[in-house]
PDB file of N, CA and C in Angstrom:
ATOM      1  N   UNK A   1     -50.831  29.429 112.775  1.00  0.00           N
ATOM      2  CA  UNK A   1     -50.621  30.861 112.888  1.00  0.00           C
ATOM      3  C   UNK A   1     -51.973  31.549 112.739  1.00  0.00           C
ATOM      4  N   UNK A   2     -52.325  32.384 113.662  1.00  0.00           N
ATOM      5  CA  UNK A   2     -53.586  33.121 113.617  1.00  0.00           C
ATOM      6  C   UNK A   2     -53.477  34.245 112.595  1.00  0.00           C
ATOM      7  N   UNK A   3     -54.518  34.403 111.819  1.00  0.00           N
ATOM      8  CA  UNK A   3     -54.551  35.429 110.781  1.00  0.00           C
ATOM      9  C   UNK A   3     -54.957  36.769 111.382  1.00  0.00           C
ATOM     10  N   UNK A   4     -54.144  37.759 111.212  1.00  0.00           N
ATOM     11  CA  UNK A   4     -54.461  39.102 111.683  1.00  0.00           C
ATOM     12  C   UNK A   4     -54.273  40.058 110.520  1.00  0.00           C
ATOM     13  N   UNK A   5     -55.305  40.796 110.208  1.00  0.00           N
ATOM     14  CA  UNK A   5     -55.205  41.798 109.150  1.00  0.00           C
ATOM     15  C   UNK A   5     -55.326  43.152 109.799  1.00  0.00           C
ATOM     16  N   UNK A   6     -54.327  43.970 109.625  1.00  0.00           N
ATOM     17  CA  UNK A   6     -54.398  45.313 110.186  1.00  0.00           C
ATOM     18  C   UNK A   6     -54.640  46.299 109.059  1.00  0.00           C
ATOM     19  N   UNK A   7     -55.386  47.311 109.381  1.00  0.00           N
ATOM     20  CA  UNK A   7     -55.661  48.344 108.388  1.00  0.00           C
ATOM     21  C   UNK A   7     -54.955  49.616 108.790  1.00  0.00           C
ATOM     22  N   UNK A   8     -54.367  50.264 107.822  1.00  0.00           N
ATOM     23  CA  UNK A   8     -53.723  51.546 108.048  1.00  0.00           C
ATOM     24  C   UNK A   8     -54.723  52.659 107.804  1.00  0.00           C
ATOM     25  N   UNK A   9     -54.391  53.838 108.275  1.00  0.00           N
ATOM     26  CA  UNK A   9     -55.259  54.988 108.040  1.00  0.00           C
ATOM     27  C   UNK A   9     -55.478  55.137 106.540  1.00  0.00           C
ATOM     28  N   UNK A  10     -56.709  55.309 106.152  1.00  0.00           N
ATOM     29  CA  UNK A  10     -57.051  55.440 104.739  1.00  0.00           C
ATOM     30  C   UNK A  10     -57.539  54.135 104.127  1.00  0.00           C
ATOM     31  N   UNK A  11     -57.237  52.992 104.774  1.00  0.00           N
ATOM     32  CA  UNK A  11     -57.660  51.700 104.247  1.00  0.00           C
ATOM     33  C   UNK A  11     -59.167  51.505 104.322  1.00  0.00           C
ATOM     34  N   UNK A  12     -59.836  52.283 105.170  1.00  0.00           N
ATOM     35  CA  UNK A  12     -61.280  52.125 105.297  1.00  0.00           C
ATOM     36  C   UNK A  12     -62.010  52.431 103.993  1.00  0.00           C
ATOM     37  N   UNK A  13     -61.333  53.056 103.035  1.00  0.00           N
ATOM     38  CA  UNK A  13     -61.959  53.355 101.746  1.00  0.00           C
ATOM     39  C   UNK A  13     -61.678  52.269 100.712  1.00  0.00           C
ATOM     40  N   UNK A  14     -60.979  51.230 101.107  1.00  0.00           N
ATOM     41  CA  UNK A  14     -60.724  50.114 100.204  1.00  0.00           C
ATOM     42  C   UNK A  14     -61.986  49.286 100.039  1.00  0.00           C
ATOM     43  N   UNK A  15     -62.218  48.815  98.818  1.00  0.00           N
ATOM     44  CA  UNK A  15     -63.279  47.829  98.643  1.00  0.00           C
ATOM     45  C   UNK A  15     -62.763  46.508  99.189  1.00  0.00           C
ATOM     46  N   UNK A  16     -63.684  45.579  99.433  1.00  0.00           N
ATOM     47  CA  UNK A  16     -63.211  44.293  99.929  1.00  0.00           C
ATOM     48  C   UNK A  16     -62.388  43.576  98.860  1.00  0.00           C
ATOM     49  N   UNK A  17     -62.685  43.838  97.597  1.00  0.00           N
ATOM     50  CA  UNK A  17     -61.878  43.258  96.514  1.00  0.00           C
ATOM     51  C   UNK A  17     -60.435  43.783  96.586  1.00  0.00           C
ATOM     52  N   UNK A  18     -60.275  45.073  96.749  1.00  0.00           N
ATOM     53  CA  UNK A  18     -58.933  45.659  96.839  1.00  0.00           C
ATOM     54  C   UNK A  18     -58.188  45.117  98.060  1.00  0.00           C
ATOM     55  N   UNK A  19     -58.876  45.036  99.185  1.00  0.00           N
ATOM     56  CA  UNK A  19     -58.251  44.521 100.402  1.00  0.00           C
ATOM     57  C   UNK A  19     -57.853  43.058 100.219  1.00  0.00           C
ATOM     58  N   UNK A  20     -58.711  42.287  99.543  1.00  0.00           N
ATOM     59  CA  UNK A  20     -58.388  40.882  99.310  1.00  0.00           C
ATOM     60  C   UNK A  20     -57.162  40.746  98.414  1.00  0.00           C
ATOM     61  N   UNK A  21     -57.072  41.570  97.380  1.00  0.00           N
ATOM     62  CA  UNK A  21     -55.898  41.507  96.509  1.00  0.00           C
ATOM     63  C   UNK A  21     -54.631  41.898  97.274  1.00  0.00           C
ATOM     64  N   UNK A  22     -54.732  42.828  98.208  1.00  0.00           N
ATOM     65  CA  UNK A  22     -53.593  43.162  99.075  1.00  0.00           C
ATOM     66  C   UNK A  22     -53.222  41.956  99.943  1.00  0.00           C
ATOM     67  N   UNK A  23     -54.231  41.280 100.470  1.00  0.00           N
ATOM     68  CA  UNK A  23     -54.045  40.070 101.266  1.00  0.00           C
ATOM     69  C   UNK A  23     -53.310  39.005 100.443  1.00  0.00           C
ATOM     70  N   UNK A  24     -53.744  38.803  99.203  1.00  0.00           N
ATOM     71  CA  UNK A  24     -53.121  37.802  98.322  1.00  0.00           C
ATOM     72  C   UNK A  24     -51.673  38.190  98.016  1.00  0.00           C
ATOM     73  N   UNK A  25     -51.431  39.467  97.760  1.00  0.00           N
ATOM     74  CA  UNK A  25     -50.060  39.924  97.489  1.00  0.00           C
ATOM     75  C   UNK A  25     -49.155  39.633  98.686  1.00  0.00           C
ATOM     76  N   UNK A  26     -49.681  39.864  99.888  1.00  0.00           N
ATOM     77  CA  UNK A  26     -48.918  39.582 101.099  1.00  0.00           C
ATOM     78  C   UNK A  26     -48.613  38.086 101.208  1.00  0.00           C
ATOM     79  N   UNK A  27     -49.603  37.254 100.939  1.00  0.00           N
ATOM     80  CA  UNK A  27     -49.418  35.804 101.041  1.00  0.00           C
ATOM     81  C   UNK A  27     -48.422  35.305  99.995  1.00  0.00           C
ATOM     82  N   UNK A  28     -48.461  35.896  98.799  1.00  0.00           N
ATOM     83  CA  UNK A  28     -47.486  35.520  97.775  1.00  0.00           C
ATOM     84  C   UNK A  28     -46.080  35.927  98.202  1.00  0.00           C
ATOM     85  N   UNK A  29     -45.956  37.101  98.801  1.00  0.00           N
ATOM     86  CA  UNK A  29     -44.653  37.563  99.287  1.00  0.00           C
ATOM     87  C   UNK A  29     -44.117  36.633 100.376  1.00  0.00           C
ATOM     88  N   UNK A  30     -45.031  36.040 101.136  1.00  0.00           N
ATOM     89  CA  UNK A  30     -44.654  35.078 102.168  1.00  0.00           C
ATOM     90  C   UNK A  30     -44.420  33.685 101.594  1.00  0.00           C
ATOM     91  N   UNK A  31     -44.558  33.572 100.282  1.00  0.00           N
ATOM     92  CA  UNK A  31     -44.308  32.349  99.515  1.00  0.00           C
ATOM     93  C   UNK A  31     -45.239  31.196  99.884  1.00  0.00           C
ATOM     94  N   UNK A  32     -46.507  31.524 100.133  1.00  0.00           N
ATOM     95  CA  UNK A  32     -47.479  30.464 100.324  1.00  0.00           C
ATOM     96  C   UNK A  32     -47.656  29.728  99.003  1.00  0.00           C
ATOM     97  N   UNK A  33     -48.057  28.492  99.072  1.00  0.00           N
ATOM     98  CA  UNK A  33     -48.173  27.671  97.863  1.00  0.00           C
ATOM     99  C   UNK A  33     -49.300  28.180  96.954  1.00  0.00           C
ATOM    100  N   UNK A  34     -49.173  27.829  95.692  1.00  0.00           N
ATOM    101  CA  UNK A  34     -50.209  28.191  94.712  1.00  0.00           C
ATOM    102  C   UNK A  34     -51.547  27.572  95.100  1.00  0.00           C
ATOM    103  N   UNK A  35     -51.520  26.366  95.665  1.00  0.00           N
ATOM    104  CA  UNK A  35     -52.767  25.722  96.104  1.00  0.00           C
ATOM    105  C   UNK A  35     -53.430  26.493  97.239  1.00  0.00           C
ATOM    106  N   UNK A  36     -52.636  27.024  98.150  1.00  0.00           N
ATOM    107  CA  UNK A  36     -53.180  27.818  99.250  1.00  0.00           C
ATOM    108  C   UNK A  36     -53.801  29.101  98.723  1.00  0.00           C
ATOM    109  N   UNK A  37     -53.110  29.765  97.792  1.00  0.00           N
ATOM    110  CA  UNK A  37     -53.636  30.995  97.187  1.00  0.00           C
ATOM    111  C   UNK A  37     -54.948  30.691  96.466  1.00  0.00           C
ATOM    112  N   UNK A  38     -54.979  29.581  95.734  1.00  0.00           N
ATOM    113  CA  UNK A  38     -56.199  29.180  95.023  1.00  0.00           C
ATOM    114  C   UNK A  38     -57.340  28.945  96.019  1.00  0.00           C
ATOM    115  N   UNK A  39     -57.042  28.288  97.135  1.00  0.00           N
ATOM    116  CA  UNK A  39     -58.064  28.028  98.160  1.00  0.00           C
ATOM    117  C   UNK A  39     -58.604  29.333  98.727  1.00  0.00           C
ATOM    118  N   UNK A  40     -57.718  30.311  98.962  1.00  0.00           N
ATOM    119  CA  UNK A  40     -58.172  31.621  99.437  1.00  0.00           C
ATOM    120  C   UNK A  40     -59.127  32.253  98.428  1.00  0.00           C
ATOM    121  N   UNK A  41     -58.810  32.138  97.154  1.00  0.00           N
ATOM    122  CA  UNK A  41     -59.677  32.725  96.122  1.00  0.00           C
ATOM    123  C   UNK A  41     -61.052  32.053  96.102  1.00  0.00           C
ATOM    124  N   UNK A  42     -61.089  30.744  96.263  1.00  0.00           N
ATOM    125  CA  UNK A  42     -62.363  30.016  96.299  1.00  0.00           C
ATOM    126  C   UNK A  42     -63.198  30.474  97.490  1.00  0.00           C
ATOM    127  N   UNK A  43     -62.555  30.593  98.642  1.00  0.00           N
ATOM    128  CA  UNK A  43     -63.269  31.027  99.851  1.00  0.00           C
ATOM    129  C   UNK A  43     -63.762  32.472  99.707  1.00  0.00           C
ATOM    130  N   UNK A  44     -62.933  33.316  99.118  1.00  0.00           N
ATOM    131  CA  UNK A  44     -63.337  34.708  98.914  1.00  0.00           C
ATOM    132  C   UNK A  44     -64.512  34.791  97.947  1.00  0.00           C
ATOM    133  N   UNK A  45     -64.522  33.940  96.929  1.00  0.00           N
ATOM    134  CA  UNK A  45     -65.640  33.916  95.967  1.00  0.00           C
ATOM    135  C   UNK A  45     -66.943  33.603  96.700  1.00  0.00           C
ATOM    136  N   UNK A  46     -66.897  32.681  97.649  1.00  0.00           N
ATOM    137  CA  UNK A  46     -68.103  32.364  98.425  1.00  0.00           C
ATOM    138  C   UNK A  46     -68.574  33.594  99.194  1.00  0.00           C
ATOM    139  N   UNK A  47     -67.625  34.338  99.760  1.00  0.00           N
ATOM    140  CA  UNK A  47     -68.006  35.548 100.486  1.00  0.00           C
ATOM    141  C   UNK A  47     -68.615  36.578  99.544  1.00  0.00           C
ATOM    142  N   UNK A  48     -68.045  36.736  98.350  1.00  0.00           N
ATOM    143  CA  UNK A  48     -68.587  37.734  97.421  1.00  0.00           C
ATOM    144  C   UNK A  48     -69.894  37.270  96.781  1.00  0.00           C
ATOM    145  N   UNK A  49     -70.202  35.987  96.855  1.00  0.00           N
ATOM    146  CA  UNK A  49     -71.540  35.530  96.459  1.00  0.00           C
ATOM    147  C   UNK A  49     -72.573  36.050  97.459  1.00  0.00           C
ATOM    148  N   UNK A  50     -72.115  36.234  98.692  1.00  0.00           N
ATOM    149  CA  UNK A  50     -72.973  36.708  99.770  1.00  0.00           C
ATOM    150  C   UNK A  50     -72.951  38.237  99.896  1.00  0.00           C
ATOM    151  N   UNK A  51     -71.783  38.821  99.763  1.00  0.00           N
ATOM    152  CA  UNK A  51     -71.557  40.247 100.049  1.00  0.00           C
ATOM    153  C   UNK A  51     -70.709  40.818  98.919  1.00  0.00           C
ATOM    154  N   UNK A  52     -71.232  41.733  98.163  1.00  0.00           N
ATOM    155  CA  UNK A  52     -70.558  42.238  96.967  1.00  0.00           C
ATOM    156  C   UNK A  52     -69.134  42.711  97.237  1.00  0.00           C
ATOM    157  N   UNK A  53     -68.226  42.379  96.315  1.00  0.00           N
ATOM    158  CA  UNK A  53     -66.832  42.799  96.489  1.00  0.00           C
ATOM    159  C   UNK A  53     -66.627  44.273  96.186  1.00  0.00           C
ATOM    160  N   UNK A  54     -67.694  44.974  95.794  1.00  0.00           N
ATOM    161  CA  UNK A  54     -67.631  46.430  95.617  1.00  0.00           C
ATOM    162  C   UNK A  54     -67.863  47.174  96.931  1.00  0.00           C
ATOM    163  N   UNK A  55     -68.329  46.453  97.948  1.00  0.00           N
ATOM    164  CA  UNK A  55     -68.546  47.075  99.257  1.00  0.00           C
ATOM    165  C   UNK A  55     -67.210  47.465  99.874  1.00  0.00           C
ATOM    166  N   UNK A  56     -67.259  48.450 100.739  1.00  0.00           N
ATOM    167  CA  UNK A  56     -66.053  48.900 101.431  1.00  0.00           C
ATOM    168  C   UNK A  56     -65.767  48.015 102.635  1.00  0.00           C
ATOM    169  N   UNK A  57     -64.496  47.912 102.971  1.00  0.00           N
ATOM    170  CA  UNK A  57     -64.098  47.127 104.151  1.00  0.00           C
ATOM    171  C   UNK A  57     -64.827  47.593 105.402  1.00  0.00           C
ATOM    172  N   UNK A  58     -64.999  48.889 105.527  1.00  0.00           N
ATOM    173  CA  UNK A  58     -65.629  49.429 106.726  1.00  0.00           C
ATOM    174  C   UNK A  58     -67.102  49.022 106.839  1.00  0.00           C
ATOM    175  N   UNK A  59     -67.663  48.449 105.785  1.00  0.00           N
ATOM    176  CA  UNK A  59     -69.053  48.004 105.820  1.00  0.00           C
ATOM    177  C   UNK A  59     -69.207  46.599 106.391  1.00  0.00           C
ATOM    178  N   UNK A  60     -68.106  45.915 106.628  1.00  0.00           N
ATOM    179  CA  UNK A  60     -68.155  44.580 107.208  1.00  0.00           C
ATOM    180  C   UNK A  60     -68.192  44.723 108.725  1.00  0.00           C
ATOM    181  N   UNK A  61     -69.221  44.138 109.317  1.00  0.00           N
ATOM    182  CA  UNK A  61     -69.380  44.187 110.774  1.00  0.00           C
ATOM    183  C   UNK A  61     -69.441  42.758 111.310  1.00  0.00           C
ATOM    184  N   UNK A  62     -69.493  42.638 112.604  1.00  0.00           N
ATOM    185  CA  UNK A  62     -69.650  41.298 113.188  1.00  0.00           C
ATOM    186  C   UNK A  62     -70.965  40.682 112.724  1.00  0.00           C
ATOM    187  N   UNK A  63     -71.974  41.511 112.546  1.00  0.00           N
ATOM    188  CA  UNK A  63     -73.259  41.026 112.037  1.00  0.00           C
ATOM    189  C   UNK A  63     -73.103  40.443 110.631  1.00  0.00           C
ATOM    190  N   UNK A  64     -72.296  41.095 109.802  1.00  0.00           N
ATOM    191  CA  UNK A  64     -72.035  40.594 108.449  1.00  0.00           C
ATOM    192  C   UNK A  64     -71.415  39.202 108.521  1.00  0.00           C
ATOM    193  N   UNK A  65     -70.465  39.034 109.418  1.00  0.00           N
ATOM    194  CA  UNK A  65     -69.783  37.740 109.553  1.00  0.00           C
ATOM    195  C   UNK A  65     -70.765  36.662 110.002  1.00  0.00           C
ATOM    196  N   UNK A  66     -71.604  36.962 110.983  1.00  0.00           N
ATOM    197  CA  UNK A  66     -72.582  35.976 111.446  1.00  0.00           C
ATOM    198  C   UNK A  66     -73.595  35.640 110.347  1.00  0.00           C
ATOM    199  N   UNK A  67     -73.992  36.626 109.571  1.00  0.00           N
ATOM    200  CA  UNK A  67     -74.903  36.373 108.459  1.00  0.00           C
ATOM    201  C   UNK A  67     -74.225  35.519 107.390  1.00  0.00           C
ATOM    202  N   UNK A  68     -72.931  35.733 107.166  1.00  0.00           N
ATOM    203  CA  UNK A  68     -72.184  34.916 106.215  1.00  0.00           C
ATOM    204  C   UNK A  68     -72.120  33.458 106.688  1.00  0.00           C
ATOM    205  N   UNK A  69     -71.933  33.266 107.979  1.00  0.00           N
ATOM    206  CA  UNK A  69     -71.931  31.909 108.527  1.00  0.00           C
ATOM    207  C   UNK A  69     -73.271  31.237 108.261  1.00  0.00           C
ATOM    208  N   UNK A  70     -74.356  31.950 108.483  1.00  0.00           N
ATOM    209  CA  UNK A  70     -75.693  31.404 108.209  1.00  0.00           C
ATOM    210  C   UNK A  70     -75.867  31.118 106.711  1.00  0.00           C
ATOM    211  N   UNK A  71     -75.325  31.976 105.862  1.00  0.00           N
ATOM    212  CA  UNK A  71     -75.345  31.776 104.410  1.00  0.00           C
ATOM    213  C   UNK A  71     -74.633  30.462 104.055  1.00  0.00           C
ATOM    214  N   UNK A  72     -73.457  30.237 104.642  1.00  0.00           N
ATOM    215  CA  UNK A  72     -72.710  29.002 104.381  1.00  0.00           C
ATOM    216  C   UNK A  72     -73.495  27.777 104.840  1.00  0.00           C
ATOM    217  N   UNK A  73     -74.119  27.876 106.013  1.00  0.00           N
ATOM    218  CA  UNK A  73     -74.912  26.761 106.539  1.00  0.00           C
ATOM    219  C   UNK A  73     -76.135  26.479 105.667  1.00  0.00           C
ATOM    220  N   UNK A  74     -76.738  27.527 105.124  1.00  0.00           N
ATOM    221  CA  UNK A  74     -77.899  27.348 104.244  1.00  0.00           C
ATOM    222  C   UNK A  74     -77.491  26.659 102.946  1.00  0.00           C
ATOM    223  N   UNK A  75     -76.303  27.005 102.444  1.00  0.00           N
ATOM    224  CA  UNK A  75     -75.802  26.376 101.212  1.00  0.00           C
ATOM    225  C   UNK A  75     -75.417  24.922 101.435  1.00  0.00           C
ATOM    226  N   UNK A  76     -74.950  24.621 102.639  1.00  0.00           N
ATOM    227  CA  UNK A  76     -74.512  23.267 102.962  1.00  0.00           C
ATOM    228  C   UNK A  76     -74.831  22.973 104.426  1.00  0.00           C
ATOM    229  N   UNK A  77     -75.997  22.398 104.681  1.00  0.00           N
ATOM    230  CA  UNK A  77     -76.406  22.148 106.067  1.00  0.00           C
ATOM    231  C   UNK A  77     -75.446  21.242 106.850  1.00  0.00           C
ATOM    232  N   UNK A  78     -74.646  20.454 106.164  1.00  0.00           N
ATOM    233  CA  UNK A  78     -73.715  19.537 106.828  1.00  0.00           C
ATOM    234  C   UNK A  78     -72.325  20.137 107.033  1.00  0.00           C
ATOM    235  N   UNK A  79     -72.167  21.432 106.749  1.00  0.00           N
ATOM    236  CA  UNK A  79     -70.845  22.060 106.854  1.00  0.00           C
ATOM    237  C   UNK A  79     -70.346  21.993 108.296  1.00  0.00           C
ATOM    238  N   UNK A  80     -69.080  21.685 108.444  1.00  0.00           N
ATOM    239  CA  UNK A  80     -68.457  21.571 109.766  1.00  0.00           C
ATOM    240  C   UNK A  80     -67.924  22.934 110.216  1.00  0.00           C
ATOM    241  N   UNK A  81     -67.834  23.103 111.514  1.00  0.00           N
ATOM    242  CA  UNK A  81     -67.331  24.350 112.090  1.00  0.00           C
ATOM    243  C   UNK A  81     -65.925  24.658 111.592  1.00  0.00           C
ATOM    244  N   UNK A  82     -65.080  23.656 111.517  1.00  0.00           N
ATOM    245  CA  UNK A  82     -63.704  23.879 111.061  1.00  0.00           C
ATOM    246  C   UNK A  82     -63.689  24.371 109.610  1.00  0.00           C
ATOM    247  N   UNK A  83     -64.615  23.900 108.799  1.00  0.00           N
ATOM    248  CA  UNK A  83     -64.707  24.361 107.410  1.00  0.00           C
ATOM    249  C   UNK A  83     -65.171  25.808 107.361  1.00  0.00           C
ATOM    250  N   UNK A  84     -66.147  26.142 108.174  1.00  0.00           N
ATOM    251  CA  UNK A  84     -66.605  27.535 108.249  1.00  0.00           C
ATOM    252  C   UNK A  84     -65.442  28.441 108.624  1.00  0.00           C
ATOM    253  N   UNK A  85     -64.640  28.008 109.577  1.00  0.00           N
ATOM    254  CA  UNK A  85     -63.501  28.809 110.004  1.00  0.00           C
ATOM    255  C   UNK A  85     -62.514  29.053 108.877  1.00  0.00           C
ATOM    256  N   UNK A  86     -62.364  28.092 107.972  1.00  0.00           N
ATOM    257  CA  UNK A  86     -61.447  28.307 106.835  1.00  0.00           C
ATOM    258  C   UNK A  86     -61.994  29.394 105.909  1.00  0.00           C
ATOM    259  N   UNK A  87     -63.304  29.517 105.826  1.00  0.00           N
ATOM    260  CA  UNK A  87     -63.914  30.585 105.020  1.00  0.00           C
ATOM    261  C   UNK A  87     -63.679  31.947 105.679  1.00  0.00           C
ATOM    262  N   UNK A  88     -63.684  31.974 106.977  1.00  0.00           N
ATOM    263  CA  UNK A  88     -63.565  33.237 107.702  1.00  0.00           C
ATOM    264  C   UNK A  88     -62.165  33.845 107.633  1.00  0.00           C
ATOM    265  N   UNK A  89     -61.180  33.065 107.262  1.00  0.00           N
ATOM    266  CA  UNK A  89     -59.826  33.577 107.131  1.00  0.00           C
ATOM    267  C   UNK A  89     -59.779  34.723 106.123  1.00  0.00           C
ATOM    268  N   UNK A  90     -60.605  34.637 105.100  1.00  0.00           N
ATOM    269  CA  UNK A  90     -60.569  35.636 104.014  1.00  0.00           C
ATOM    270  C   UNK A  90     -61.548  36.784 104.226  1.00  0.00           C
ATOM    271  N   UNK A  91     -62.266  36.786 105.319  1.00  0.00           N
ATOM    272  CA  UNK A  91     -63.233  37.868 105.565  1.00  0.00           C
ATOM    273  C   UNK A  91     -62.578  38.968 106.365  1.00  0.00           C
TER     274      UNK A  91
END
């Protein structure tokens, strides 16, 4: 299932932390496993190591995503594309 996150009017003022917690609440409502939720949190932590969770959602651009990919590659030069994609689910 492809991940699609839609934002409603007014959501542009959400921090990425707030948006992520909304994402987690949605996944819990969909009854995803505790292990899946934990994995999302680990991936989100990697993103917030790169980009502060105090930033607003509207501050994330395609450039931010490409820079995050480069950040992941710098941390682990052997990282596989499929692994990078799992990190991008939470961005």
